[in-house]
C-alpha atoms as a PDB file:
ATOM      1  CA  UNK A   1     -63.355 -35.438 249.546  1.00  0.00           C
ATOM      2  CA  UNK A   2     -59.831 -35.408 251.046  1.00  0.00           C
ATOM      3  CA  UNK A   3     -57.074 -36.111 248.526  1.00  0.00           C
ATOM      4  CA  UNK A   4     -54.675 -38.019 250.778  1.00  0.00           C
ATOM      5  CA  UNK A   5     -56.951 -41.028 251.469  1.00  0.00           C
ATOM      6  CA  UNK A   6     -57.734 -41.243 247.744  1.00  0.00           C
ATOM      7  CA  UNK A   7     -54.026 -41.301 246.869  1.00  0.00           C
ATOM      8  CA  UNK A   8     -53.400 -43.994 249.467  1.00  0.00           C
ATOM      9  CA  UNK A   9     -56.230 -46.116 248.042  1.00  0.00           C
ATOM     10  CA  UNK A  10     -54.884 -45.736 244.500  1.00  0.00           C
ATOM     11  CA  UNK A  11     -51.424 -46.867 245.624  1.00  0.00           C
ATOM     12  CA  UNK A  12     -52.903 -49.744 247.638  1.00  0.00           C
ATOM     13  CA  UNK A  13     -54.728 -50.839 244.485  1.00  0.00           C
ATOM     14  CA  UNK A  14     -51.373 -50.704 242.643  1.00  0.00           C
ATOM     15  CA  UNK A  15     -52.354 -47.699 240.549  1.00  0.00           C
ATOM     16  CA  UNK A  16     -49.299 -45.461 241.092  1.00  0.00           C
ATOM     17  CA  UNK A  17     -49.648 -43.795 237.694  1.00  0.00           C
ATOM     18  CA  UNK A  18     -53.145 -42.594 238.516  1.00  0.00           C
ATOM     19  CA  UNK A  19     -52.007 -41.433 241.956  1.00  0.00           C
ATOM     20  CA  UNK A  20     -49.153 -39.413 240.504  1.00  0.00           C
ATOM     21  CA  UNK A  21     -51.380 -37.933 237.803  1.00  0.00           C
ATOM     22  CA  UNK A  22     -54.006 -36.958 240.373  1.00  0.00           C
ATOM     23  CA  UNK A  23     -51.372 -35.084 242.363  1.00  0.00           C
ATOM     24  CA  UNK A  24     -50.191 -33.333 239.207  1.00  0.00           C
ATOM     25  CA  UNK A  25     -53.743 -32.286 238.341  1.00  0.00           C
ATOM     26  CA  UNK A  26     -53.914 -30.271 241.563  1.00  0.00           C
ATOM     27  CA  UNK A  27     -51.215 -27.900 240.250  1.00  0.00           C
ATOM     28  CA  UNK A  28     -52.877 -27.393 236.851  1.00  0.00           C
ATOM     29  CA  UNK A  29     -54.657 -24.035 236.820  1.00  0.00           C
ATOM     30  CA  UNK A  30     -57.153 -24.932 234.107  1.00  0.00           C
ATOM     31  CA  UNK A  31     -58.047 -28.388 235.461  1.00  0.00           C
ATOM     32  CA  UNK A  32     -61.432 -27.068 236.578  1.00  0.00           C
ATOM     33  CA  UNK A  33     -62.434 -26.653 232.941  1.00  0.00           C
ATOM     34  CA  UNK A  34     -62.132 -30.402 232.361  1.00  0.00           C
ATOM     35  CA  UNK A  35     -65.140 -32.661 232.790  1.00  0.00           C
ATOM     36  CA  UNK A  36     -65.019 -35.612 235.168  1.00  0.00           C
ATOM     37  CA  UNK A  37     -64.742 -37.991 232.219  1.00  0.00           C
ATOM     38  CA  UNK A  38     -61.826 -36.029 230.760  1.00  0.00           C
ATOM     39  CA  UNK A  39     -59.941 -35.992 234.062  1.00  0.00           C
ATOM     40  CA  UNK A  40     -60.557 -39.702 234.541  1.00  0.00           C
ATOM     41  CA  UNK A  41     -59.290 -40.325 231.021  1.00  0.00           C
ATOM     42  CA  UNK A  42     -56.072 -38.437 231.798  1.00  0.00           C
ATOM     43  CA  UNK A  43     -55.561 -40.470 234.957  1.00  0.00           C
ATOM     44  CA  UNK A  44     -56.014 -43.707 233.043  1.00  0.00           C
ATOM     45  CA  UNK A  45     -53.618 -42.540 230.320  1.00  0.00           C
ATOM     46  CA  UNK A  46     -50.913 -41.914 232.927  1.00  0.00           C
ATOM     47  CA  UNK A  47     -51.432 -45.331 234.479  1.00  0.00           C
ATOM     48  CA  UNK A  48     -51.351 -47.053 231.090  1.00  0.00           C
ATOM     49  CA  UNK A  49     -48.153 -45.225 230.063  1.00  0.00           C
ATOM     50  CA  UNK A  50     -46.440 -46.152 233.321  1.00  0.00           C
ATOM     51  CA  UNK A  51     -47.379 -49.809 233.015  1.00  0.00           C
ATOM     52  CA  UNK A  52     -46.327 -49.978 229.358  1.00  0.00           C
ATOM     53  CA  UNK A  53     -42.966 -48.500 230.326  1.00  0.00           C
ATOM     54  CA  UNK A  54     -42.425 -51.095 233.033  1.00  0.00           C
ATOM     55  CA  UNK A  55     -43.395 -53.942 230.720  1.00  0.00           C
ATOM     56  CA  UNK A  56     -40.989 -52.693 228.034  1.00  0.00           C
ATOM     57  CA  UNK A  57     -38.177 -52.270 230.549  1.00  0.00           C
ATOM     58  CA  UNK A  58     -38.673 -55.851 231.720  1.00  0.00           C
ATOM     59  CA  UNK A  59     -38.796 -57.133 228.140  1.00  0.00           C
ATOM     60  CA  UNK A  60     -35.549 -55.333 227.263  1.00  0.00           C
ATOM     61  CA  UNK A  61     -33.898 -56.632 230.432  1.00  0.00           C
ATOM     62  CA  UNK A  62     -34.759 -60.211 229.495  1.00  0.00           C
ATOM     63  CA  UNK A  63     -33.472 -59.623 225.943  1.00  0.00           C
ATOM     64  CA  UNK A  64     -29.952 -58.995 227.300  1.00  0.00           C
ATOM     65  CA  UNK A  65     -29.023 -56.935 224.254  1.00  0.00           C
ATOM     66  CA  UNK A  66     -25.298 -56.269 224.072  1.00  0.00           C
ATOM     67  CA  UNK A  67     -25.813 -52.607 223.157  1.00  0.00           C
ATOM     68  CA  UNK A  68     -28.456 -50.103 224.229  1.00  0.00           C
ATOM     69  CA  UNK A  69     -29.108 -49.265 220.594  1.00  0.00           C
ATOM     70  CA  UNK A  70     -32.292 -47.634 219.324  1.00  0.00           C
ATOM     71  CA  UNK A  71     -33.515 -46.936 215.779  1.00  0.00           C
ATOM     72  CA  UNK A  72     -33.510 -43.196 216.523  1.00  0.00           C
ATOM     73  CA  UNK A  73     -29.744 -43.271 217.153  1.00  0.00           C
ATOM     74  CA  UNK A  74     -28.783 -45.078 213.935  1.00  0.00           C
ATOM     75  CA  UNK A  75     -26.425 -42.961 211.819  1.00  0.00           C
ATOM     76  CA  UNK A  76     -27.582 -43.134 208.219  1.00  0.00           C
ATOM     77  CA  UNK A  77     -24.904 -40.687 207.104  1.00  0.00           C
ATOM     78  CA  UNK A  78     -22.108 -43.150 207.821  1.00  0.00           C
ATOM     79  CA  UNK A  79     -20.700 -44.583 204.594  1.00  0.00           C
ATOM     80  CA  UNK A  80     -21.328 -48.306 205.032  1.00  0.00           C
ATOM     81  CA  UNK A  81     -23.921 -49.235 202.417  1.00  0.00           C
ATOM     82  CA  UNK A  82     -26.896 -49.213 204.780  1.00  0.00           C
ATOM     83  CA  UNK A  83     -30.130 -48.796 202.835  1.00  0.00           C
ATOM     84  CA  UNK A  84     -32.282 -46.509 204.984  1.00  0.00           C
ATOM     85  CA  UNK A  85     -35.477 -47.538 203.185  1.00  0.00           C
ATOM     86  CA  UNK A  86     -34.866 -51.221 203.897  1.00  0.00           C
ATOM     87  CA  UNK A  87     -33.880 -50.561 207.501  1.00  0.00           C
ATOM     88  CA  UNK A  88     -36.923 -48.402 208.190  1.00  0.00           C
ATOM     89  CA  UNK A  89     -39.194 -50.996 206.578  1.00  0.00           C
ATOM     90  CA  UNK A  90     -38.052 -53.414 209.303  1.00  0.00           C
ATOM     91  CA  UNK A  91     -39.301 -51.030 211.984  1.00  0.00           C
ATOM     92  CA  UNK A  92     -42.954 -52.039 211.538  1.00  0.00           C
ATOM     93  CA  UNK A  93     -41.878 -55.575 212.622  1.00  0.00           C
ATOM     94  CA  UNK A  94     -44.272 -57.256 210.187  1.00  0.00           C
ATOM     95  CA  UNK A  95     -41.336 -59.532 209.342  1.00  0.00           C
ATOM     96  CA  UNK A  96     -41.577 -60.881 212.892  1.00  0.00           C
ATOM     97  CA  UNK A  97     -45.245 -61.787 212.601  1.00  0.00           C
ATOM     98  CA  UNK A  98     -44.428 -63.331 209.200  1.00  0.00           C
ATOM     99  CA  UNK A  99     -41.622 -65.363 210.861  1.00  0.00           C
ATOM    100  CA  UNK A 100     -38.943 -64.072 208.524  1.00  0.00           C
ATOM    101  CA  UNK A 101     -35.283 -63.521 209.372  1.00  0.00           C
ATOM    102  CA  UNK A 102     -32.827 -60.624 209.135  1.00  0.00           C
ATOM    103  CA  UNK A 103     -29.203 -61.232 208.149  1.00  0.00           C
ATOM    104  CA  UNK A 104     -26.610 -58.467 208.557  1.00  0.00           C
ATOM    105  CA  UNK A 105     -23.180 -58.968 206.974  1.00  0.00           C
ATOM    106  CA  UNK A 106     -20.113 -56.779 206.610  1.00  0.00           C
ATOM    107  CA  UNK A 107     -16.533 -56.229 207.776  1.00  0.00           C
ATOM    108  CA  UNK A 108     -15.638 -55.681 211.392  1.00  0.00           C
ATOM    109  CA  UNK A 109     -16.511 -52.353 212.949  1.00  0.00           C
ATOM    110  CA  UNK A 110     -19.218 -51.217 210.506  1.00  0.00           C
ATOM    111  CA  UNK A 111     -21.959 -51.466 213.125  1.00  0.00           C
ATOM    112  CA  UNK A 112     -23.564 -54.849 212.506  1.00  0.00           C
ATOM    113  CA  UNK A 113     -24.184 -55.573 216.175  1.00  0.00           C
ATOM    114  CA  UNK A 114     -25.441 -52.042 216.816  1.00  0.00           C
ATOM    115  CA  UNK A 115     -27.966 -52.263 213.978  1.00  0.00           C
ATOM    116  CA  UNK A 116     -29.056 -55.739 215.066  1.00  0.00           C
ATOM    117  CA  UNK A 117     -29.613 -54.527 218.639  1.00  0.00           C
ATOM    118  CA  UNK A 118     -31.525 -51.483 217.365  1.00  0.00           C
ATOM    119  CA  UNK A 119     -33.811 -53.763 215.355  1.00  0.00           C
ATOM    120  CA  UNK A 120     -34.288 -56.078 218.344  1.00  0.00           C
ATOM    121  CA  UNK A 121     -35.024 -53.054 220.538  1.00  0.00           C
ATOM    122  CA  UNK A 122     -37.779 -52.022 218.131  1.00  0.00           C
ATOM    123  CA  UNK A 123     -39.305 -55.504 218.183  1.00  0.00           C
ATOM    124  CA  UNK A 124     -39.451 -55.276 221.985  1.00  0.00           C
ATOM    125  CA  UNK A 125     -41.227 -51.917 221.702  1.00  0.00           C
ATOM    126  CA  UNK A 126     -43.775 -53.560 219.440  1.00  0.00           C
ATOM    127  CA  UNK A 127     -44.550 -56.205 222.042  1.00  0.00           C
ATOM    128  CA  UNK A 128     -42.304 -59.044 220.877  1.00  0.00           C
ATOM    129  CA  UNK A 129     -39.760 -60.881 223.002  1.00  0.00           C
ATOM    130  CA  UNK A 130     -36.085 -60.961 222.053  1.00  0.00           C
ATOM    131  CA  UNK A 131     -32.841 -62.561 223.214  1.00  0.00           C
ATOM    132  CA  UNK A 132     -29.219 -61.774 222.370  1.00  0.00           C
ATOM    133  CA  UNK A 133     -26.707 -64.619 222.038  1.00  0.00           C
ATOM    134  CA  UNK A 134     -23.046 -64.376 221.045  1.00  0.00           C
ATOM    135  CA  UNK A 135     -22.194 -67.381 218.888  1.00  0.00           C
ATOM    136  CA  UNK A 136     -18.716 -67.909 220.344  1.00  0.00           C
ATOM    137  CA  UNK A 137     -20.237 -68.318 223.813  1.00  0.00           C
ATOM    138  CA  UNK A 138     -23.387 -70.148 222.769  1.00  0.00           C
ATOM    139  CA  UNK A 139     -21.898 -73.537 221.898  1.00  0.00           C
ATOM    140  CA  UNK A 140     -19.715 -73.880 225.044  1.00  0.00           C
ATOM    141  CA  UNK A 141     -22.795 -72.967 227.089  1.00  0.00           C
ATOM    142  CA  UNK A 142     -24.820 -75.663 225.327  1.00  0.00           C
ATOM    143  CA  UNK A 143     -22.066 -78.239 225.893  1.00  0.00           C
ATOM    144  CA  UNK A 144     -22.132 -77.431 229.604  1.00  0.00           C
ATOM    145  CA  UNK A 145     -25.928 -77.592 229.629  1.00  0.00           C
ATOM    146  CA  UNK A 146     -25.786 -81.116 228.223  1.00  0.00           C
ATOM    147  CA  UNK A 147     -23.668 -82.199 231.178  1.00  0.00           C
ATOM    148  CA  UNK A 148     -25.865 -80.700 233.886  1.00  0.00           C
ATOM    149  CA  UNK A 149     -29.228 -81.529 232.301  1.00  0.00           C
ATOM    150  CA  UNK A 150     -30.256 -78.007 231.239  1.00  0.00           C
ATOM    151  CA  UNK A 151     -29.948 -78.631 227.497  1.00  0.00           C
ATOM    152  CA  UNK A 152     -33.633 -79.346 226.749  1.00  0.00           C
ATOM    153  CA  UNK A 153     -34.660 -76.322 228.833  1.00  0.00           C
ATOM    154  CA  UNK A 154     -32.267 -74.032 226.952  1.00  0.00           C
ATOM    155  CA  UNK A 155     -33.479 -75.259 223.569  1.00  0.00           C
ATOM    156  CA  UNK A 156     -37.058 -74.696 224.665  1.00  0.00           C
ATOM    157  CA  UNK A 157     -36.157 -71.160 225.767  1.00  0.00           C
ATOM    158  CA  UNK A 158     -34.525 -70.375 222.424  1.00  0.00           C
ATOM    159  CA  UNK A 159     -37.476 -71.833 220.523  1.00  0.00           C
ATOM    160  CA  UNK A 160     -39.986 -69.735 222.450  1.00  0.00           C
ATOM    161  CA  UNK A 161     -38.489 -66.254 222.025  1.00  0.00           C
ATOM    162  CA  UNK A 162     -39.961 -64.218 219.161  1.00  0.00           C
ATOM    163  CA  UNK A 163     -36.653 -62.763 217.927  1.00  0.00           C
ATOM    164  CA  UNK A 164     -33.363 -64.563 218.559  1.00  0.00           C
ATOM    165  CA  UNK A 165     -30.252 -62.472 217.827  1.00  0.00           C
ATOM    166  CA  UNK A 166     -27.203 -64.586 216.934  1.00  0.00           C
ATOM    167  CA  UNK A 167     -24.174 -62.281 216.924  1.00  0.00           C
ATOM    168  CA  UNK A 168     -20.820 -62.949 215.190  1.00  0.00           C
ATOM    169  CA  UNK A 169     -21.772 -65.952 213.083  1.00  0.00           C
ATOM    170  CA  UNK A 170     -18.764 -67.795 211.624  1.00  0.00           C
ATOM    171  CA  UNK A 171     -15.972 -66.300 213.749  1.00  0.00           C
ATOM    172  CA  UNK A 172     -14.696 -69.738 214.773  1.00  0.00           C
ATOM    173  CA  UNK A 173     -14.819 -73.157 213.051  1.00  0.00           C
ATOM    174  CA  UNK A 174     -17.823 -75.236 214.060  1.00  0.00           C
ATOM    175  CA  UNK A 175     -17.364 -78.607 215.719  1.00  0.00           C
ATOM    176  CA  UNK A 176     -19.697 -81.463 214.742  1.00  0.00           C
ATOM    177  CA  UNK A 177     -21.503 -80.971 218.060  1.00  0.00           C
ATOM    178  CA  UNK A 178     -21.938 -77.229 217.393  1.00  0.00           C
ATOM    179  CA  UNK A 179     -23.353 -77.897 213.928  1.00  0.00           C
ATOM    180  CA  UNK A 180     -25.979 -80.249 215.350  1.00  0.00           C
ATOM    181  CA  UNK A 181     -26.835 -77.753 218.102  1.00  0.00           C
ATOM    182  CA  UNK A 182     -27.276 -74.983 215.543  1.00  0.00           C
ATOM    183  CA  UNK A 183     -29.548 -77.141 213.407  1.00  0.00           C
ATOM    184  CA  UNK A 184     -31.695 -77.907 216.464  1.00  0.00           C
ATOM    185  CA  UNK A 185     -32.045 -74.194 217.247  1.00  0.00           C
ATOM    186  CA  UNK A 186     -32.784 -73.105 213.681  1.00  0.00           C
ATOM    187  CA  UNK A 187     -35.149 -75.997 212.981  1.00  0.00           C
ATOM    188  CA  UNK A 188     -37.179 -75.279 216.137  1.00  0.00           C
ATOM    189  CA  UNK A 189     -37.656 -71.679 214.970  1.00  0.00           C
ATOM    190  CA  UNK A 190     -38.222 -72.225 211.244  1.00  0.00           C
ATOM    191  CA  UNK A 191     -41.659 -70.988 210.217  1.00  0.00           C
ATOM    192  CA  UNK A 192     -42.537 -70.198 213.827  1.00  0.00           C
ATOM    193  CA  UNK A 193     -40.208 -67.436 215.006  1.00  0.00           C
ATOM    194  CA  UNK A 194     -37.675 -64.947 213.623  1.00  0.00           C
ATOM    195  CA  UNK A 195     -33.904 -64.831 213.859  1.00  0.00           C
ATOM    196  CA  UNK A 196     -31.396 -62.000 213.392  1.00  0.00           C
ATOM    197  CA  UNK A 197     -27.849 -62.999 212.433  1.00  0.00           C
ATOM    198  CA  UNK A 198     -24.731 -60.829 212.162  1.00  0.00           C
ATOM    199  CA  UNK A 199     -21.584 -62.035 210.443  1.00  0.00           C
ATOM    200  CA  UNK A 200     -18.355 -60.785 208.925  1.00  0.00           C
ATOM    201  CA  UNK A 201     -18.797 -63.448 206.261  1.00  0.00           C
ATOM    202  CA  UNK A 202     -21.031 -62.870 203.220  1.00  0.00           C
ATOM    203  CA  UNK A 203     -23.949 -65.297 203.187  1.00  0.00           C
ATOM    204  CA  UNK A 204     -22.491 -67.208 200.239  1.00  0.00           C
ATOM    205  CA  UNK A 205     -19.580 -68.229 202.507  1.00  0.00           C
ATOM    206  CA  UNK A 206     -21.772 -69.539 205.314  1.00  0.00           C
ATOM    207  CA  UNK A 207     -22.071 -72.991 203.781  1.00  0.00           C
ATOM    208  CA  UNK A 208     -18.303 -73.436 203.929  1.00  0.00           C
ATOM    209  CA  UNK A 209     -18.127 -71.984 207.455  1.00  0.00           C
ATOM    210  CA  UNK A 210     -20.588 -74.570 208.785  1.00  0.00           C
ATOM    211  CA  UNK A 211     -18.284 -77.294 207.509  1.00  0.00           C
ATOM    212  CA  UNK A 212     -20.685 -80.161 206.794  1.00  0.00           C
ATOM    213  CA  UNK A 213     -22.491 -80.046 203.466  1.00  0.00           C
ATOM    214  CA  UNK A 214     -25.603 -81.911 204.564  1.00  0.00           C
ATOM    215  CA  UNK A 215     -26.117 -79.958 207.775  1.00  0.00           C
ATOM    216  CA  UNK A 216     -25.199 -76.694 206.060  1.00  0.00           C
ATOM    217  CA  UNK A 217     -27.904 -77.272 203.442  1.00  0.00           C
ATOM    218  CA  UNK A 218     -30.470 -77.953 206.148  1.00  0.00           C
ATOM    219  CA  UNK A 219     -29.488 -74.944 208.274  1.00  0.00           C
ATOM    220  CA  UNK A 220     -29.192 -72.397 205.475  1.00  0.00           C
ATOM    221  CA  UNK A 221     -32.368 -73.529 203.727  1.00  0.00           C
ATOM    222  CA  UNK A 222     -34.275 -72.673 206.901  1.00  0.00           C
ATOM    223  CA  UNK A 223     -32.337 -69.511 207.722  1.00  0.00           C
ATOM    224  CA  UNK A 224     -31.554 -67.697 204.456  1.00  0.00           C
ATOM    225  CA  UNK A 225     -34.677 -68.467 202.426  1.00  0.00           C
ATOM    226  CA  UNK A 226     -36.793 -65.275 202.103  1.00  0.00           C
ATOM    227  CA  UNK A 227     -34.666 -63.467 204.696  1.00  0.00           C
ATOM    228  CA  UNK A 228     -34.069 -59.714 204.662  1.00  0.00           C
ATOM    229  CA  UNK A 229     -30.346 -59.209 204.045  1.00  0.00           C
ATOM    230  CA  UNK A 230     -28.426 -56.040 204.927  1.00  0.00           C
ATOM    231  CA  UNK A 231     -25.015 -56.082 203.244  1.00  0.00           C
ATOM    232  CA  UNK A 232     -22.741 -53.497 204.828  1.00  0.00           C
ATOM    233  CA  UNK A 233     -19.365 -52.329 203.600  1.00  0.00           C
ATOM    234  CA  UNK A 234     -16.797 -49.612 204.210  1.00  0.00           C
ATOM    235  CA  UNK A 235     -14.264 -48.661 206.854  1.00  0.00           C
ATOM    236  CA  UNK A 236     -14.646 -49.546 210.508  1.00  0.00           C
ATOM    237  CA  UNK A 237     -16.700 -46.921 212.332  1.00  0.00           C
ATOM    238  CA  UNK A 238     -14.635 -47.568 215.464  1.00  0.00           C
ATOM    239  CA  UNK A 239     -11.429 -46.723 213.599  1.00  0.00           C
ATOM    240  CA  UNK A 240     -13.008 -43.544 212.281  1.00  0.00           C
ATOM    241  CA  UNK A 241     -14.047 -42.483 215.780  1.00  0.00           C
ATOM    242  CA  UNK A 242     -10.543 -43.215 217.100  1.00  0.00           C
ATOM    243  CA  UNK A 243      -9.001 -41.138 214.298  1.00  0.00           C
ATOM    244  CA  UNK A 244     -11.286 -38.214 215.112  1.00  0.00           C
ATOM    245  CA  UNK A 245     -10.506 -38.517 218.819  1.00  0.00           C
ATOM    246  CA  UNK A 246      -6.759 -38.654 218.191  1.00  0.00           C
ATOM    247  CA  UNK A 247      -6.970 -35.686 215.822  1.00  0.00           C
ATOM    248  CA  UNK A 248      -8.749 -33.621 218.491  1.00  0.00           C
ATOM    249  CA  UNK A 249      -6.162 -34.591 221.116  1.00  0.00           C
ATOM    250  CA  UNK A 250      -3.292 -33.674 218.769  1.00  0.00           C
ATOM    251  CA  UNK A 251      -4.908 -30.351 218.002  1.00  0.00           C
END
């Protein structure tokens, strides 16, 4: 049987992985020692790997993560109080299926956002959806959405995603409108989805940062209860890198 028509049929059937693998098999010297079932299995493996890669790429694109961070690139040698055992335990993403949250606190520059994006990246690899939101931009966007009628749609989008990453919690004072928006988002997700939060403020200062005792109680009861908390400390990693770069230039 001629190979070219077979390749064309595979591509027409939207099986590019199998087509590529079939072409590669032609250059393998020992391919004749494989049974038909074994060769077919290899073709299917290639197709499955290709499709999984495309699905993951699309999932990561929709997540809009600020940093292309991966668990493999996390520096555990950096002095910042990161517990490797706790971090690695989050990699199985059972906390997502259990609808628990992850809170990452620490001073500026210690890598909170990087770690949060690495965790979100891993959840995408495990088949969950994720979405990155910067808190300082979130509330103005919601205010605009209220004016043009997109507010309910945005809330529904936030409620649906498996892992919502809220970056830079508490950088700016919350307006009454922002507090109510935050409660809507957190309440929609409580017990149904998971949320990752990064903040320069320790969690025991979040109540004050929200600014309204009643709403703060409601928000934090849903967010902090049974959450995994990573408390980071130490010098800014960015400052350290700049010092090393300057030292090399001076040398």
